[in-house]
C-alpha atoms as a PDB file:
ATOM      1  CA  MET A   1      38.508 -21.927  42.630  1.00  0.00           C
ATOM      2  CA  SER A   2      37.189 -25.439  42.220  1.00  0.00           C
ATOM      3  CA  HIS A   3      34.463 -26.110  39.678  1.00  0.00           C
ATOM      4  CA  LEU A   4      31.256 -28.092  39.550  1.00  0.00           C
ATOM      5  CA  ASP A   5      31.428 -31.573  38.120  1.00  0.00           C
ATOM      6  CA  PRO A   6      30.563 -31.452  34.373  1.00  0.00           C
ATOM      7  CA  GLU A   7      27.981 -34.195  34.832  1.00  0.00           C
ATOM      8  CA  GLN A   8      26.237 -32.131  37.518  1.00  0.00           C
ATOM      9  CA  ILE A   9      26.160 -29.109  35.196  1.00  0.00           C
ATOM     10  CA  ALA A  10      24.673 -31.298  32.472  1.00  0.00           C
ATOM     11  CA  LEU A  11      21.935 -32.521  34.827  1.00  0.00           C
ATOM     12  CA  ILE A  12      21.059 -28.945  35.786  1.00  0.00           C
ATOM     13  CA  ALA A  13      20.900 -27.992  32.087  1.00  0.00           C
ATOM     14  CA  LEU A  14      18.467 -30.872  31.523  1.00  0.00           C
ATOM     15  CA  GLY A  15      16.179 -29.564  34.254  1.00  0.00           C
ATOM     16  CA  GLU A  16      17.397 -31.190  37.453  1.00  0.00           C
ATOM     17  CA  PRO A  17      17.063 -28.797  40.420  1.00  0.00           C
ATOM     18  CA  ALA A  18      20.341 -27.287  41.595  1.00  0.00           C
ATOM     19  CA  SER A  19      21.305 -27.443  45.243  1.00  0.00           C
ATOM     20  CA  ASP A  20      21.818 -24.240  47.203  1.00  0.00           C
ATOM     21  CA  ASP A  21      25.584 -24.768  47.086  1.00  0.00           C
ATOM     22  CA  ASP A  22      25.531 -25.336  43.317  1.00  0.00           C
ATOM     23  CA  THR A  23      23.398 -22.224  42.816  1.00  0.00           C
ATOM     24  CA  ALA A  24      25.787 -20.147  44.887  1.00  0.00           C
ATOM     25  CA  HIS A  25      28.772 -21.496  42.969  1.00  0.00           C
ATOM     26  CA  LEU A  26      27.170 -20.778  39.579  1.00  0.00           C
ATOM     27  CA  ALA A  27      26.498 -17.217  40.676  1.00  0.00           C
ATOM     28  CA  ALA A  28      30.170 -16.729  41.553  1.00  0.00           C
ATOM     29  CA  CYS A  29      31.945 -18.802  38.876  1.00  0.00           C
ATOM     30  CA  ALA A  30      31.980 -17.370  35.351  1.00  0.00           C
ATOM     31  CA  ASP A  31      33.368 -20.580  33.809  1.00  0.00           C
ATOM     32  CA  CYS A  32      30.658 -22.843  35.224  1.00  0.00           C
ATOM     33  CA  SER A  33      27.848 -20.390  34.489  1.00  0.00           C
ATOM     34  CA  LEU A  34      29.050 -20.074  30.861  1.00  0.00           C
ATOM     35  CA  GLU A  35      29.255 -23.858  30.550  1.00  0.00           C
ATOM     36  CA  LEU A  36      25.702 -24.180  31.903  1.00  0.00           C
ATOM     37  CA  ALA A  37      24.402 -21.541  29.465  1.00  0.00           C
ATOM     38  CA  GLU A  38      25.980 -23.373  26.501  1.00  0.00           C
ATOM     39  CA  LEU A  39      24.497 -26.675  27.624  1.00  0.00           C
ATOM     40  CA  ARG A  40      21.064 -25.127  28.043  1.00  0.00           C
ATOM     41  CA  ARG A  41      21.220 -23.735  24.502  1.00  0.00           C
ATOM     42  CA  THR A  42      22.069 -27.213  23.220  1.00  0.00           C
ATOM     43  CA  VAL A  43      19.123 -28.702  25.118  1.00  0.00           C
ATOM     44  CA  LEU A  44      16.835 -25.980  23.764  1.00  0.00           C
ATOM     45  CA  VAL A  45      17.873 -26.772  20.195  1.00  0.00           C
ATOM     46  CA  GLY A  46      17.111 -30.447  20.766  1.00  0.00           C
ATOM     47  CA  LYS A  47      13.720 -29.772  22.360  1.00  0.00           C
ATOM     48  CA  SER A  48      12.729 -27.439  19.524  1.00  0.00           C
ATOM     49  CA  THR A  49      12.452 -30.432  17.176  1.00  0.00           C
ATOM     50  CA  LEU A  50       9.832 -32.184  19.298  1.00  0.00           C
ATOM     51  CA  GLY A  51       6.972 -30.048  17.990  1.00  0.00           C
ATOM     52  CA  MET A  52       7.894 -30.462  14.340  1.00  0.00           C
ATOM     53  CA  GLY A  53       5.814 -33.632  13.963  1.00  0.00           C
ATOM     54  CA  GLY A  54       6.894 -36.530  11.810  1.00  0.00           C
ATOM     55  CA  LEU A  55       9.817 -35.271   9.783  1.00  0.00           C
ATOM     56  CA  GLU A  56      10.369 -36.796   6.405  1.00  0.00           C
ATOM     57  CA  THR A  57      13.814 -37.981   5.385  1.00  0.00           C
ATOM     58  CA  PRO A  58      15.379 -35.308   3.170  1.00  0.00           C
ATOM     59  CA  PRO A  59      17.038 -36.359  -0.097  1.00  0.00           C
ATOM     60  CA  ASP A  60      20.789 -36.976  -0.307  1.00  0.00           C
ATOM     61  CA  ARG A  61      21.446 -33.476  -1.651  1.00  0.00           C
ATOM     62  CA  VAL A  62      20.219 -32.013   1.649  1.00  0.00           C
ATOM     63  CA  TRP A  63      22.659 -34.093   3.694  1.00  0.00           C
ATOM     64  CA  ASP A  64      25.439 -33.133   1.262  1.00  0.00           C
ATOM     65  CA  ARG A  65      24.628 -29.496   1.956  1.00  0.00           C
ATOM     66  CA  ILE A  66      24.707 -30.101   5.724  1.00  0.00           C
ATOM     67  CA  VAL A  67      28.196 -31.606   5.462  1.00  0.00           C
ATOM     68  CA  ALA A  68      29.320 -28.656   3.340  1.00  0.00           C
ATOM     69  CA  GLU A  69      27.898 -26.156   5.866  1.00  0.00           C
ATOM     70  CA  ILE A  70      29.652 -27.885   8.761  1.00  0.00           C
ATOM     71  CA  ASP A  71      32.942 -27.963   6.832  1.00  0.00           C
ATOM     72  CA  GLU A  72      32.656 -24.242   6.096  1.00  0.00           C
ATOM     73  CA  ALA A  73      31.981 -23.543   9.771  1.00  0.00           C
ATOM     74  CA  GLY A  74      35.161 -25.408  10.688  1.00  0.00           C
ATOM     75  CA  VAL A  75      33.343 -27.877  12.915  1.00  0.00           C
ATOM     76  CA  PRO A  76      35.514 -30.994  13.452  1.00  0.00           C
ATOM     77  CA  VAL A  77      33.693 -34.205  12.600  1.00  0.00           C
ATOM     78  CA  ALA A  78      35.419 -36.233  15.307  1.00  0.00           C
ATOM     79  CA  ALA A  79      35.383 -33.548  17.982  1.00  0.00           C
ATOM     80  CA  VAL A  80      34.511 -35.965  20.768  1.00  0.00           C
ATOM     81  CA  ASP A  81      36.988 -38.649  19.778  1.00  0.00           C
ATOM     82  CA  SER A  82      39.819 -36.143  19.471  1.00  0.00           C
ATOM     83  CA  ALA A  83      39.183 -34.426  22.833  1.00  0.00           C
ATOM     84  CA  PRO A  84      42.410 -34.335  24.853  1.00  0.00           C
ATOM     85  CA  VAL A  85      42.598 -36.199  28.128  1.00  0.00           C
ATOM     86  CA  ALA A  86      43.533 -34.232  31.223  1.00  0.00           C
ATOM     87  CA  ASP A  87      47.151 -34.637  32.234  1.00  0.00           C
ATOM     88  CA  THR A  88      47.810 -35.238  35.929  1.00  0.00           C
ATOM     89  CA  ASP A  89      50.883 -34.841  38.037  1.00  0.00           C
ATOM     90  CA  ARG A  90      51.525 -36.545  41.328  1.00  0.00           C
ATOM     91  CA  SER A  91      52.410 -34.125  44.114  1.00  0.00           C
ATOM     92  CA  ASP A  92      54.955 -34.746  46.739  1.00  0.00           C
ATOM     93  CA  ASP A  93      52.359 -36.158  49.108  1.00  0.00           C
ATOM     94  CA  GLY A  94      51.188 -38.668  46.495  1.00  0.00           C
ATOM     95  CA  ALA A  95      47.941 -36.913  45.537  1.00  0.00           C
ATOM     96  CA  ASP A  96      46.973 -36.476  41.874  1.00  0.00           C
ATOM     97  CA  THR A  97      46.546 -32.852  40.842  1.00  0.00           C
ATOM     98  CA  LYS A  98      45.355 -31.423  37.508  1.00  0.00           C
ATOM     99  CA  ARG A  99      47.856 -29.226  35.712  1.00  0.00           C
ATOM    100  CA  ASP A 100      45.222 -26.746  34.486  1.00  0.00           C
ATOM    101  CA  ALA A 101      41.588 -26.383  33.541  1.00  0.00           C
ATOM    102  CA  SER A 102      42.068 -27.510  29.912  1.00  0.00           C
ATOM    103  CA  PRO A 103      39.517 -30.382  30.200  1.00  0.00           C
ATOM    104  CA  ARG A 104      36.839 -27.837  31.117  1.00  0.00           C
ATOM    105  CA  ARG A 105      37.760 -25.678  28.132  1.00  0.00           C
ATOM    106  CA  THR A 106      37.668 -28.795  25.969  1.00  0.00           C
ATOM    107  CA  LEU A 107      34.181 -29.653  27.231  1.00  0.00           C
ATOM    108  CA  SER A 108      32.967 -26.135  26.458  1.00  0.00           C
ATOM    109  CA  LYS A 109      34.352 -26.355  22.931  1.00  0.00           C
ATOM    110  CA  MET A 110      32.690 -29.727  22.458  1.00  0.00           C
ATOM    111  CA  LEU A 111      29.346 -28.324  23.623  1.00  0.00           C
ATOM    112  CA  PHE A 112      29.685 -25.383  21.248  1.00  0.00           C
ATOM    113  CA  THR A 113      30.519 -27.803  18.438  1.00  0.00           C
ATOM    114  CA  LEU A 114      27.420 -29.888  19.144  1.00  0.00           C
ATOM    115  CA  ALA A 115      25.191 -26.811  19.300  1.00  0.00           C
ATOM    116  CA  ALA A 116      26.617 -25.415  16.073  1.00  0.00           C
ATOM    117  CA  SER A 117      26.202 -28.723  14.266  1.00  0.00           C
ATOM    118  CA  ALA A 118      22.620 -29.104  15.495  1.00  0.00           C
ATOM    119  CA  ALA A 119      21.783 -25.545  14.450  1.00  0.00           C
ATOM    120  CA  VAL A 120      23.149 -26.116  10.948  1.00  0.00           C
ATOM    121  CA  ILE A 121      21.229 -29.379  10.543  1.00  0.00           C
ATOM    122  CA  LEU A 122      17.955 -27.895  11.798  1.00  0.00           C
ATOM    123  CA  ALA A 123      18.343 -24.825   9.589  1.00  0.00           C
ATOM    124  CA  VAL A 124      18.987 -26.831   6.424  1.00  0.00           C
ATOM    125  CA  VAL A 125      16.344 -29.493   7.099  1.00  0.00           C
ATOM    126  CA  GLY A 126      13.809 -26.868   8.171  1.00  0.00           C
ATOM    127  CA  THR A 127      14.418 -24.846   5.006  1.00  0.00           C
ATOM    128  CA  TRP A 128      14.060 -27.964   2.876  1.00  0.00           C
ATOM    129  CA  ALA A 129      10.749 -28.776   4.587  1.00  0.00           C
ATOM    130  CA  LEU A 130       9.423 -25.328   3.706  1.00  0.00           C
ATOM    131  CA  VAL A 131      10.515 -25.250   0.064  1.00  0.00           C
ATOM    132  CA  ARG A 132      10.207 -28.905  -0.893  1.00  0.00           C
ATOM    133  CA  PRO A 133       7.641 -29.706  -3.588  1.00  0.00           C
ATOM    134  CA  ALA A 134       4.237 -30.721  -2.282  1.00  0.00           C
ATOM    135  CA  GLU A 135       3.699 -34.477  -2.152  1.00  0.00           C
ATOM    136  CA  VAL A 136       1.244 -35.754  -4.752  1.00  0.00           C
ATOM    137  CA  VAL A 137      -0.189 -39.211  -5.378  1.00  0.00           C
ATOM    138  CA  GLU A 138      -1.172 -40.573  -8.763  1.00  0.00           C
ATOM    139  CA  VAL A 139      -4.761 -41.787  -8.621  1.00  0.00           C
ATOM    140  CA  ALA A 140      -5.583 -42.475 -12.289  1.00  0.00           C
ATOM    141  CA  SER A 141      -4.125 -42.402 -15.782  1.00  0.00           C
ATOM    142  CA  ALA A 142      -5.233 -42.809 -19.385  1.00  0.00           C
ATOM    143  CA  SER A 143      -3.742 -43.301 -22.837  1.00  0.00           C
ATOM    144  CA  LEU A 144      -5.350 -40.881 -25.274  1.00  0.00           C
ATOM    145  CA  LEU A 145      -5.953 -42.346 -28.726  1.00  0.00           C
ATOM    146  CA  ALA A 146      -6.424 -40.445 -31.980  1.00  0.00           C
ATOM    147  CA  PHE A 147      -9.712 -39.868 -33.780  1.00  0.00           C
ATOM    148  CA  PRO A 148      -9.888 -40.644 -37.522  1.00  0.00           C
ATOM    149  CA  ASP A 149      -9.566 -36.978 -38.523  1.00  0.00           C
ATOM    150  CA  HIS A 150      -6.270 -36.705 -36.624  1.00  0.00           C
ATOM    151  CA  PRO A 151      -4.167 -39.727 -37.620  1.00  0.00           C
ATOM    152  CA  GLY A 152      -0.852 -40.023 -35.825  1.00  0.00           C
ATOM    153  CA  ALA A 153      -1.941 -37.978 -32.843  1.00  0.00           C
ATOM    154  CA  GLU A 154      -1.557 -39.486 -29.383  1.00  0.00           C
ATOM    155  CA  GLY A 155      -1.501 -38.338 -25.817  1.00  0.00           C
ATOM    156  CA  SER A 156      -1.638 -39.234 -22.152  1.00  0.00           C
ATOM    157  CA  ALA A 157      -3.416 -38.058 -19.026  1.00  0.00           C
ATOM    158  CA  VAL A 158      -2.502 -38.511 -15.370  1.00  0.00           C
ATOM    159  CA  VAL A 159      -4.643 -37.543 -12.384  1.00  0.00           C
ATOM    160  CA  VAL A 160      -2.748 -36.626  -9.224  1.00  0.00           C
ATOM    161  CA  GLU A 161      -4.038 -35.708  -5.777  1.00  0.00           C
ATOM    162  CA  GLY A 162      -2.202 -33.280  -3.518  1.00  0.00           C
ATOM    163  CA  GLU A 163      -1.881 -33.252   0.260  1.00  0.00           C
ATOM    164  CA  ASP A 164      -4.859 -30.885   0.452  1.00  0.00           C
ATOM    165  CA  GLY A 165      -7.093 -33.263  -1.529  1.00  0.00           C
ATOM    166  CA  GLU A 166      -7.080 -31.176  -4.700  1.00  0.00           C
ATOM    167  CA  LYS A 167      -6.978 -33.238  -7.891  1.00  0.00           C
ATOM    168  CA  MET A 168      -5.128 -32.165 -11.011  1.00  0.00           C
ATOM    169  CA  VAL A 169      -5.188 -33.602 -14.536  1.00  0.00           C
ATOM    170  CA  ARG A 170      -1.859 -33.510 -16.339  1.00  0.00           C
ATOM    171  CA  VAL A 171      -2.110 -34.042 -20.083  1.00  0.00           C
ATOM    172  CA  GLU A 172       0.415 -34.403 -22.882  1.00  0.00           C
ATOM    173  CA  LEU A 173      -0.441 -34.275 -26.585  1.00  0.00           C
ATOM    174  CA  ASP A 174       1.745 -35.300 -29.504  1.00  0.00           C
ATOM    175  CA  ASP A 175       0.209 -33.638 -32.561  1.00  0.00           C
ATOM    176  CA  ASP A 176       0.912 -30.835 -35.002  1.00  0.00           C
ATOM    177  CA  GLU A 177       0.212 -27.352 -33.666  1.00  0.00           C
ATOM    178  CA  PRO A 178      -3.012 -25.911 -35.132  1.00  0.00           C
ATOM    179  CA  THR A 179      -2.683 -23.071 -37.631  1.00  0.00           C
ATOM    180  CA  ASP A 180      -5.860 -21.492 -36.305  1.00  0.00           C
ATOM    181  CA  GLY A 181      -8.194 -21.956 -33.360  1.00  0.00           C
ATOM    182  CA  PHE A 182      -7.087 -23.620 -30.131  1.00  0.00           C
ATOM    183  CA  ARG A 183      -7.167 -26.927 -28.279  1.00  0.00           C
ATOM    184  CA  GLU A 184      -9.266 -27.574 -25.200  1.00  0.00           C
ATOM    185  CA  VAL A 185      -9.237 -30.294 -22.519  1.00  0.00           C
ATOM    186  CA  TRP A 186     -12.484 -31.884 -21.353  1.00  0.00           C
ATOM    187  CA  LEU A 187     -13.851 -34.442 -18.913  1.00  0.00           C
ATOM    188  CA  ILE A 188     -16.782 -36.485 -20.199  1.00  0.00           C
ATOM    189  CA  THR A 189     -19.018 -39.083 -18.565  1.00  0.00           C
ATOM    190  CA  ALA A 190     -18.865 -42.647 -19.853  1.00  0.00           C
ATOM    191  CA  ASP A 191     -22.256 -42.313 -21.565  1.00  0.00           C
ATOM    192  CA  ALA A 192     -21.340 -38.887 -23.005  1.00  0.00           C
ATOM    193  CA  THR A 193     -24.363 -37.217 -21.378  1.00  0.00           C
ATOM    194  CA  ALA A 194     -22.318 -34.650 -19.434  1.00  0.00           C
ATOM    195  CA  ILE A 195     -19.144 -32.747 -20.224  1.00  0.00           C
ATOM    196  CA  VAL A 196     -16.912 -30.312 -18.330  1.00  0.00           C
ATOM    197  CA  SER A 197     -14.202 -28.083 -19.770  1.00  0.00           C
ATOM    198  CA  LEU A 198     -10.919 -28.030 -17.857  1.00  0.00           C
ATOM    199  CA  GLY A 199      -9.312 -25.294 -19.929  1.00  0.00           C
ATOM    200  CA  ILE A 200      -7.281 -24.433 -23.000  1.00  0.00           C
ATOM    201  CA  LEU A 201      -4.165 -26.475 -23.755  1.00  0.00           C
ATOM    202  CA  GLU A 202      -1.213 -24.217 -24.484  1.00  0.00           C
ATOM    203  CA  GLY A 203       1.518 -26.085 -26.306  1.00  0.00           C
ATOM    204  CA  SER A 204       1.894 -29.827 -25.980  1.00  0.00           C
ATOM    205  CA  GLU A 205       1.272 -30.270 -22.241  1.00  0.00           C
ATOM    206  CA  GLY A 206      -0.663 -28.733 -19.394  1.00  0.00           C
ATOM    207  CA  GLU A 207      -2.033 -29.195 -15.900  1.00  0.00           C
ATOM    208  CA  PHE A 208      -5.659 -28.514 -14.982  1.00  0.00           C
ATOM    209  CA  ALA A 209      -7.542 -28.436 -11.680  1.00  0.00           C
ATOM    210  CA  VAL A 210     -10.540 -30.748 -11.373  1.00  0.00           C
ATOM    211  CA  PRO A 211     -13.617 -28.831 -10.130  1.00  0.00           C
ATOM    212  CA  GLU A 212     -14.644 -29.876  -6.618  1.00  0.00           C
ATOM    213  CA  ASP A 213     -18.137 -30.889  -7.771  1.00  0.00           C
ATOM    214  CA  VAL A 214     -16.794 -33.233 -10.460  1.00  0.00           C
ATOM    215  CA  ASP A 215     -16.553 -36.914  -9.528  1.00  0.00           C
ATOM    216  CA  LEU A 216     -13.883 -38.570 -11.647  1.00  0.00           C
ATOM    217  CA  ARG A 217     -15.575 -41.923 -11.142  1.00  0.00           C
ATOM    218  CA  ASP A 218     -18.353 -40.506 -13.316  1.00  0.00           C
ATOM    219  CA  TYR A 219     -16.294 -38.286 -15.630  1.00  0.00           C
ATOM    220  CA  VAL A 220     -13.949 -41.036 -16.739  1.00  0.00           C
ATOM    221  CA  LEU A 221     -13.155 -39.823 -20.269  1.00  0.00           C
ATOM    222  CA  VAL A 222     -10.390 -37.321 -20.958  1.00  0.00           C
ATOM    223  CA  ASP A 223     -10.789 -35.549 -24.300  1.00  0.00           C
ATOM    224  CA  ILE A 224      -8.688 -32.981 -26.156  1.00  0.00           C
ATOM    225  CA  SER A 225     -10.501 -31.169 -28.953  1.00  0.00           C
ATOM    226  CA  GLN A 226      -9.733 -28.722 -31.728  1.00  0.00           C
ATOM    227  CA  GLU A 227     -11.838 -25.588 -31.240  1.00  0.00           C
ATOM    228  CA  PRO A 228     -12.511 -22.715 -33.664  1.00  0.00           C
ATOM    229  CA  GLN A 229     -12.377 -19.080 -32.649  1.00  0.00           C
ATOM    230  CA  ASP A 230     -16.158 -18.689 -32.889  1.00  0.00           C
ATOM    231  CA  GLY A 231     -17.019 -17.684 -29.315  1.00  0.00           C
ATOM    232  CA  ASP A 232     -19.012 -20.876 -28.717  1.00  0.00           C
ATOM    233  CA  PRO A 233     -18.006 -22.418 -25.347  1.00  0.00           C
ATOM    234  CA  THR A 234     -19.416 -25.875 -26.163  1.00  0.00           C
ATOM    235  CA  HIS A 235     -17.417 -28.780 -27.558  1.00  0.00           C
ATOM    236  CA  SER A 236     -16.834 -28.401 -31.292  1.00  0.00           C
ATOM    237  CA  GLY A 237     -17.280 -32.111 -31.947  1.00  0.00           C
ATOM    238  CA  ASP A 238     -13.747 -32.233 -33.392  1.00  0.00           C
ATOM    239  CA  SER A 239     -11.921 -34.451 -30.905  1.00  0.00           C
ATOM    240  CA  ILE A 240      -8.209 -35.004 -31.485  1.00  0.00           C
ATOM    241  CA  VAL A 241      -7.630 -37.720 -28.867  1.00  0.00           C
ATOM    242  CA  ARG A 242      -9.638 -39.369 -26.096  1.00  0.00           C
ATOM    243  CA  GLY A 243      -9.094 -42.041 -23.447  1.00  0.00           C
ATOM    244  CA  GLU A 244     -10.698 -43.583 -20.393  1.00  0.00           C
ATOM    245  CA  LEU A 245      -9.158 -43.183 -16.945  1.00  0.00           C
ATOM    246  CA  ASP A 246      -7.808 -46.310 -15.267  1.00  0.00           C
ATOM    247  CA  PHE A 247      -7.806 -45.823 -11.487  1.00  0.00           C
ATOM    248  CA  ALA A 248      -4.864 -46.993  -9.380  1.00  0.00           C
END
């Protein structure tokens, strides 16, 4: 049985209407129908990326993993270049005839290779997109300087904004751990008429969410204080370090 031209099968897989003769042949020929099904799967994989929006370029480690996955799957890198060319023999009447259907089998293997490679790439990149750290942008920073009662102390504060618009203050403090009480992080207005607690600092660094109703353009001072265990939620007046935010 003769077979459909591979280019015609490719056009049908891409959505071109099949003629009545082609439809009848595909219904009767297992090889051509299998080839068409493989091509359609490849097209489906390609089209599935169109709705993913603007994809970001993954880091090098992701591409390294893709190469490793393809190697493990035994997918040849140069599958197309190494595809064998059909041998032909000349018959007695001078006409060229193909020895066998090996070129068609080669094409099917190439299509499977492309589909497998695409599936591996989409799986790895898609997984990376789901688990990658959320993108944040630094919007302000401050150097925190020591108060006289805490010589040698120093710190830093960085304000970052996430993709959802939430702002976080990341602070670091270089100072001796207190023997009693605790340390608290605050935002204070430039004229010191308003103050907001961000939370207790555990250890030497921490990250704190900025309340939605707090405008950092007003609350420009970052303060870390030493607080006694007295149940009083107000600032103790014992600041360790403080600094003013410099906006990017």
